[in-house]
Amino acid sequence: MPPPFAPGALFLAPMVALSHRALRELVLEFGGLDIAYSEMASAGAVVSGSPYEECYLDSDPCPGKLVYQLYATKPERLPEALAYLADRPVFGADINFGCAAPHITKAGGGAAWMREPEKAFALIRTARAAWDKVLSAKIRLGHDEDYERLADFVRGMAEAGLDYVALHPRFEGQKFRRQGRWDIVARLAAEMPLPIVGNGDIRGWPDYRKRIEEARPAGLMIGREAARRPWIFALLRGREASEDFSMEVDLRATALRMLELIESRLIPEFRLTRAQRFFFYYADNFAYAHYIKWKLMNSPDLDAMRKELEAYFEEQPSDRIRRYSE
């Protein structure tokens, strides 16, 4: 099955408190991004009209590049949510089968679906009937190292109507303690009847080339590195075009732009937590990362964050402009 996107597409991963409109807009301003996921939204909350879900479902600034990611704990809620969203001009919708957060899995959502394959396949079929755009699922490796179980699950999802699968090659509950199993991405990409997108462990150009050459996925998904370096997609595309490519980044201007976007694009209840989450990663670019990170994490509001950033760059002017090539 050919992918519903350009070969080698670059994806922004769905991330709680990170893959919101403000980050997507900042990344798109740098360029290089093909498809972006929303924050994970609850299908049940979408159906019930929760006020916070509309923030998750903001499809701007580029709806045609956006994938809504939904999780469901009750099977009837997913097709209902997709029917509600059917007229929105987005690229696609994704079913979360990978979240291993205890409060999600205990309720029967996320990775819990992988333990009941037939129920997962039935969920996909009802979702497919309600949604005529691209439909995908994001998964992990599951709870054990049984490759055939995983392969059968992916085949079953393809038969049920998915257009592609995004795989984070870690086991349920593994988090980020060890490298992901990209050998399994490679095997699935070679053997499965639908496109496999690989996710995880891509921090720069060497990682990108290694994954492309060894695993040969249909596309690559990047998560936390996009918060650390929102220009990562532009950097990878530039290096593809020329091995001598590098780019100069104004760290101060980018930080202040992110605060501006958070303030203007997100609801007040989300602004501080989303800013703190972003700067937890972005501050790694600074020479005195621990110091400024502590200052920003303890700021009471966005204005205080701006003052801390301005004070930092006054004290460390050499930190403002950085050149990146990897």
Protein backbone atom coordinates (compact mmCIF):
# COMPACT_ATOMS: atom_id res chain seq x y z
CA MET A 1 0.00 0.00 0.00
CA PRO A 2 1.56 3.37 -0.96
CA PRO A 3 1.71 5.99 1.78
CA PRO A 4 -0.82 8.85 1.72
CA PHE A 5 2.10 11.28 2.10
CA ALA A 6 5.35 12.01 0.29
CA PRO A 7 8.09 9.36 0.71
CA GLY A 8 10.31 10.19 3.65
CA ALA A 9 7.81 12.64 5.16
CA LEU A 10 8.74 14.30 8.45
CA PHE A 11 6.13 14.26 11.23
CA LEU A 12 5.78 16.20 14.48
CA ALA A 13 4.80 13.63 17.11
CA PRO A 14 1.76 13.97 19.37
CA MET A 15 3.00 15.11 22.78
CA VAL A 16 1.03 16.08 25.84
CA ALA A 17 1.43 19.81 26.59
CA LEU A 18 3.78 20.26 23.60
CA SER A 19 2.25 19.55 20.18
CA HIS A 20 -0.27 22.38 20.42
CA ARG A 21 -0.91 25.10 17.88
CA ALA A 22 1.80 27.42 19.22
CA LEU A 23 4.60 24.87 18.77
CA ARG A 24 3.27 23.77 15.38
CA GLU A 25 3.23 27.37 14.21
CA LEU A 26 6.77 28.01 15.43
CA VAL A 27 8.05 24.86 13.71
CA LEU A 28 6.26 25.75 10.47
CA GLU A 29 7.85 29.20 10.50
CA PHE A 30 11.26 27.52 10.31
CA GLY A 31 10.04 25.08 7.64
CA GLY A 32 10.70 21.45 6.71
CA LEU A 33 7.70 19.91 8.47
CA ASP A 34 5.31 17.77 6.40
CA ILE A 35 2.68 16.57 8.89
CA ALA A 36 1.95 17.56 12.50
CA TYR A 37 -0.07 15.76 15.16
CA SER A 38 -2.27 17.48 17.71
CA GLU A 39 -2.05 16.84 21.41
CA MET A 40 -3.91 13.67 22.31
CA ALA A 41 -7.62 14.42 22.80
CA SER A 42 -10.28 12.29 24.44
CA ALA A 43 -12.95 11.07 22.04
CA GLY A 44 -15.43 11.07 24.91
CA ALA A 45 -14.61 14.67 25.80
CA VAL A 46 -14.95 15.74 22.16
CA VAL A 47 -18.43 14.21 22.02
CA SER A 48 -19.47 15.79 25.32
CA GLY A 49 -18.28 19.26 24.27
CA SER A 50 -15.54 19.76 26.84
CA PRO A 51 -14.26 23.36 26.49
CA TYR A 52 -10.62 22.27 26.64
CA GLU A 53 -10.94 19.89 23.71
CA GLU A 54 -11.39 22.76 21.26
CA CYS A 55 -7.90 23.93 22.19
CA TYR A 56 -6.57 20.49 21.31
CA LEU A 57 -8.61 20.54 18.09
CA ASP A 58 -7.43 23.94 16.84
CA SER A 59 -6.24 22.99 13.35
CA ASP A 60 -4.54 26.25 12.42
CA PRO A 61 -2.21 27.49 11.04
CA CYS A 62 -2.14 24.74 8.40
CA PRO A 63 -5.10 22.34 8.66
CA GLY A 64 -4.03 20.33 5.62
CA LYS A 65 -0.92 19.20 7.51
CA LEU A 66 -2.67 18.32 10.77
CA VAL A 67 -3.58 14.92 12.20
CA TYR A 68 -6.00 14.84 15.12
CA GLN A 69 -4.94 12.22 17.64
CA LEU A 70 -7.77 10.72 19.66
CA TYR A 71 -7.92 8.13 22.40
CA ALA A 72 -11.02 6.20 23.37
CA THR A 73 -11.94 4.17 26.44
CA LYS A 74 -15.44 3.34 25.17
CA PRO A 75 -15.59 2.04 21.59
CA GLU A 76 -18.73 3.94 20.62
CA ARG A 77 -17.16 7.29 21.42
CA LEU A 78 -14.49 7.20 18.70
CA PRO A 79 -16.80 7.04 15.66
CA GLU A 80 -19.02 9.65 17.31
CA ALA A 81 -16.05 11.99 17.73
CA LEU A 82 -14.88 11.40 14.16
CA ALA A 83 -18.36 12.09 12.82
CA TYR A 84 -18.35 15.36 14.79
CA LEU A 85 -14.98 16.29 13.24
CA ALA A 86 -15.74 15.02 9.74
CA ASP A 87 -16.19 18.44 8.11
CA ARG A 88 -12.92 19.89 9.39
CA PRO A 89 -10.31 20.30 6.61
CA VAL A 90 -7.49 18.37 8.29
CA PHE A 91 -5.13 15.78 6.81
CA GLY A 92 -6.23 12.91 8.98
CA ALA A 93 -7.06 11.34 12.32
CA ASP A 94 -4.99 8.98 14.45
CA ILE A 95 -6.11 6.42 17.02
CA ASN A 96 -3.87 6.29 20.07
CA PHE A 97 -2.95 2.69 20.81
CA GLY A 98 0.39 3.59 22.39
CA CYS A 99 -0.11 5.77 25.46
CA ALA A 100 1.02 3.81 28.52
CA ALA A 101 0.05 6.38 31.16
CA PRO A 102 -1.61 4.40 33.99
CA HIS A 103 -4.73 6.58 34.16
CA ILE A 104 -5.29 6.02 30.42
CA THR A 105 -4.61 2.27 30.30
CA LYS A 106 -6.58 1.52 33.49
CA ALA A 107 -9.59 3.16 31.86
CA GLY A 108 -9.12 0.95 28.79
CA GLY A 109 -7.51 3.49 26.45
CA GLY A 110 -4.13 3.84 24.78
CA ALA A 111 -1.90 0.76 24.95
CA ALA A 112 -4.66 -1.28 26.62
CA TRP A 113 -6.21 -1.82 23.16
CA MET A 114 -3.13 -3.75 22.04
CA ARG A 115 -3.92 -6.42 24.65
CA GLU A 116 -7.32 -7.03 23.02
CA PRO A 117 -6.61 -7.16 19.28
CA GLU A 118 -10.06 -8.11 18.05
CA LYS A 119 -11.64 -5.24 19.96
CA ALA A 120 -9.00 -2.91 18.50
CA PHE A 121 -9.74 -4.08 14.97
CA ALA A 122 -13.48 -3.58 15.53
CA LEU A 123 -12.75 -0.05 16.78
CA ILE A 124 -10.78 0.70 13.62
CA ARG A 125 -13.59 -0.59 11.42
CA THR A 126 -16.16 1.66 13.09
CA ALA A 127 -13.74 4.59 12.88
CA ARG A 128 -13.13 3.91 9.18
CA ALA A 129 -16.88 3.95 8.52
CA ALA A 130 -17.17 7.38 10.17
CA TRP A 131 -14.08 9.02 8.64
CA ASP A 132 -13.30 9.43 4.93
CA LYS A 133 -9.91 11.12 5.35
CA VAL A 134 -6.56 9.52 6.20
CA LEU A 135 -6.82 7.21 9.22
CA SER A 136 -3.79 5.98 11.15
CA ALA A 137 -2.81 4.59 14.54
CA LYS A 138 0.19 5.20 16.76
CA ILE A 139 1.44 2.17 18.66
CA ARG A 140 4.24 0.85 20.82
CA LEU A 141 5.79 -2.62 20.69
CA GLY A 142 3.27 -3.93 23.21
CA HIS A 143 3.93 -5.62 26.54
CA ASP A 144 6.40 -8.33 25.49
CA GLU A 145 8.99 -9.24 22.83
CA ASP A 146 6.72 -11.47 20.75
CA TYR A 147 7.34 -10.16 17.23
CA GLU A 148 4.68 -12.35 15.63
CA ARG A 149 2.06 -11.02 18.02
CA LEU A 150 3.03 -7.47 17.05
CA ALA A 151 3.10 -8.31 13.33
CA ASP A 152 -0.34 -9.94 13.53
CA PHE A 153 -1.65 -6.83 15.27
CA VAL A 154 -0.31 -4.57 12.52
CA ARG A 155 -1.71 -6.83 9.78
CA GLY A 156 -5.07 -6.81 11.52
CA MET A 157 -5.07 -3.02 11.66
CA ALA A 158 -4.29 -2.86 7.94
CA GLU A 159 -7.17 -5.21 7.15
CA ALA A 160 -9.49 -3.14 9.34
CA GLY A 161 -8.83 -0.04 7.23
CA LEU A 162 -5.83 1.94 8.43
CA ASP A 163 -3.76 3.93 5.92
CA TYR A 164 -0.48 3.80 7.91
CA VAL A 165 0.94 3.05 11.36
CA ALA A 166 3.35 5.15 13.41
CA LEU A 167 5.51 2.99 15.67
CA HIS A 168 7.36 4.18 18.76
CA PRO A 169 9.63 1.14 19.13
CA ARG A 170 9.59 0.83 22.90
CA PHE A 171 7.60 -1.53 25.07
CA GLU A 172 4.63 -0.52 27.14
CA GLY A 173 5.91 1.40 30.16
CA GLN A 174 9.53 1.48 28.98
CA LYS A 175 9.59 5.28 28.58
CA PHE A 176 12.98 6.61 27.40
CA ARG A 177 15.46 4.68 29.52
CA ARG A 178 16.97 2.76 26.59
CA GLN A 179 17.25 3.15 22.84
CA GLY A 180 14.18 2.18 20.87
CA ARG A 181 14.14 -1.08 18.88
CA TRP A 182 14.62 0.30 15.40
CA ASP A 183 15.43 -3.19 14.16
CA ILE A 184 11.73 -3.92 14.66
CA VAL A 185 10.79 -0.77 12.73
CA ALA A 186 12.96 -2.06 9.88
CA ARG A 187 11.40 -5.51 9.94
CA LEU A 188 7.83 -4.19 10.00
CA ALA A 189 8.60 -1.65 7.27
CA ALA A 190 9.85 -4.49 5.05
CA GLU A 191 7.11 -7.02 5.83
CA MET A 192 3.85 -5.17 6.50
CA PRO A 193 1.14 -4.41 3.91
CA LEU A 194 0.87 -0.74 4.94
CA PRO A 195 3.39 2.09 5.49
CA ILE A 196 5.29 2.22 8.78
CA VAL A 197 6.43 5.56 10.22
CA GLY A 198 9.24 5.34 12.79
CA ASN A 199 9.25 7.51 15.90
CA GLY A 200 11.92 8.19 18.51
CA ASP A 201 15.65 8.65 19.15
CA ILE A 202 16.20 11.28 16.45
CA ARG A 203 18.30 14.11 17.88
CA GLY A 204 19.97 15.36 14.70
CA TRP A 205 21.37 14.56 11.26
CA PRO A 206 23.43 11.43 12.20
CA ASP A 207 20.40 9.80 13.87
CA TYR A 208 18.18 10.75 10.94
CA ARG A 209 20.52 9.23 8.34
CA LYS A 210 20.98 6.06 10.41
CA ARG A 211 17.22 5.51 10.72
CA ILE A 212 16.54 6.21 7.06
CA GLU A 213 19.33 3.95 5.79
CA GLU A 214 18.91 1.05 8.21
CA ALA A 215 15.15 0.94 8.89
CA ARG A 216 13.81 2.41 5.63
CA PRO A 217 10.52 3.61 7.13
CA ALA A 218 7.88 5.39 5.06
CA GLY A 219 8.46 8.50 7.19
CA LEU A 220 10.08 9.69 10.39
CA MET A 221 8.40 11.22 13.43
CA ILE A 222 10.21 13.57 15.81
CA GLY A 223 8.97 14.52 19.26
CA ARG A 224 10.94 16.15 22.07
CA GLU A 225 13.75 17.32 19.79
CA ALA A 226 11.20 19.57 18.04
CA ALA A 227 10.67 21.36 21.36
CA ARG A 228 14.39 21.46 22.06
CA ARG A 229 15.14 22.70 18.53
CA PRO A 230 12.02 23.84 16.63
CA TRP A 231 14.22 24.25 13.54
CA ILE A 232 15.14 20.53 13.48
CA PHE A 233 12.94 19.77 10.46
CA ALA A 234 14.40 22.67 8.47
CA LEU A 235 17.90 21.54 9.48
CA LEU A 236 17.32 17.96 8.30
CA ARG A 237 15.90 19.09 4.97
CA GLY A 238 18.80 21.48 4.52
CA ARG A 239 21.35 18.74 5.20
CA GLU A 240 19.56 16.48 2.72
CA ALA A 241 20.10 19.14 0.07
CA SER A 242 23.73 19.88 0.96
CA GLU A 243 26.24 18.30 3.33
CA ASP A 244 27.66 21.78 3.96
CA PHE A 245 24.33 23.18 5.11
CA SER A 246 24.12 24.95 8.46
CA MET A 247 21.69 27.45 9.88
CA GLU A 248 22.01 30.38 12.23
CA VAL A 249 19.36 30.64 14.94
CA ASP A 250 18.55 33.62 17.17
CA LEU A 251 17.78 31.84 20.44
CA ARG A 252 16.45 34.98 22.10
CA ALA A 253 14.09 35.87 19.25
CA THR A 254 12.85 32.27 19.02
CA ALA A 255 12.16 32.09 22.77
CA LEU A 256 10.26 35.37 22.74
CA ARG A 257 8.34 34.33 19.63
CA MET A 258 7.23 31.15 21.38
CA LEU A 259 5.92 33.15 24.34
CA GLU A 260 4.07 35.43 21.92
CA LEU A 261 2.49 32.43 20.18
CA ILE A 262 1.51 30.77 23.44
CA GLU A 263 -0.11 33.98 24.66
CA SER A 264 -2.02 34.62 21.44
CA ARG A 265 -2.95 31.07 20.39
CA LEU A 266 -3.69 29.16 23.61
CA ILE A 267 -6.39 29.61 26.21
CA PRO A 268 -5.27 31.25 29.49
CA GLU A 269 -5.56 28.02 31.48
CA PHE A 270 -2.95 26.35 29.26
CA ARG A 271 -0.40 29.11 28.81
CA LEU A 272 1.93 28.73 31.79
CA THR A 273 2.07 24.94 31.80
CA ARG A 274 2.69 24.79 28.04
CA ALA A 275 5.41 27.43 28.27
CA GLN A 276 7.12 25.60 31.13
CA ARG A 277 6.98 22.33 29.22
CA PHE A 278 8.50 23.93 26.11
CA PHE A 279 11.34 25.67 27.94
CA PHE A 280 12.21 22.52 29.87
CA TYR A 281 13.59 21.29 26.52
CA TYR A 282 14.41 24.53 24.71
CA ALA A 283 16.69 25.77 27.51
CA ASP A 284 19.11 22.93 26.69
CA ASN A 285 20.44 25.18 23.91
CA PHE A 286 21.83 27.67 26.44
CA ALA A 287 25.32 27.59 27.92
CA TYR A 288 23.88 27.84 31.43
CA ALA A 289 20.91 25.58 30.78
CA HIS A 290 20.33 24.44 34.35
CA TYR A 291 20.29 28.01 35.67
CA ILE A 292 17.84 29.48 33.15
CA LYS A 293 15.69 26.35 33.19
CA TRP A 294 15.25 26.67 36.96
CA LYS A 295 14.36 30.35 36.58
CA LEU A 296 11.77 29.67 33.89
CA MET A 297 10.22 26.66 35.61
CA ASN A 298 9.66 28.81 38.69
CA SER A 299 8.27 31.86 36.90
CA PRO A 300 4.67 32.63 37.94
CA ASP A 301 3.51 33.85 34.51
CA LEU A 302 4.62 34.58 30.95
CA ASP A 303 5.68 38.16 31.72
CA ALA A 304 8.04 36.87 34.38
CA MET A 305 9.43 34.39 31.86
CA ARG A 306 10.10 37.22 29.41
CA LYS A 307 11.97 39.18 32.06
CA GLU A 308 14.08 36.17 32.99
CA LEU A 309 14.96 35.55 29.34
CA GLU A 310 15.86 39.19 28.70
CA ALA A 311 18.02 39.28 31.84
CA TYR A 312 19.77 36.06 30.79
CA PHE A 313 20.67 37.34 27.33
CA GLU A 314 21.89 40.63 28.76
CA GLU A 315 24.26 38.65 30.97
CA GLN A 316 25.15 36.11 28.27
CA PRO A 317 25.02 37.94 24.91
CA SER A 318 27.20 35.28 23.26
CA ASP A 319 24.36 32.79 23.78
CA ARG A 320 21.96 34.68 21.54
CA ILE A 321 23.11 33.53 18.08
CA ARG A 322 23.98 29.88 17.50
CA ARG A 323 24.87 27.98 14.35
CA TYR A 324 23.60 24.41 13.90
CA SER A 325 24.62 21.83 11.32
CA GLU A 326 23.77 18.46 12.94
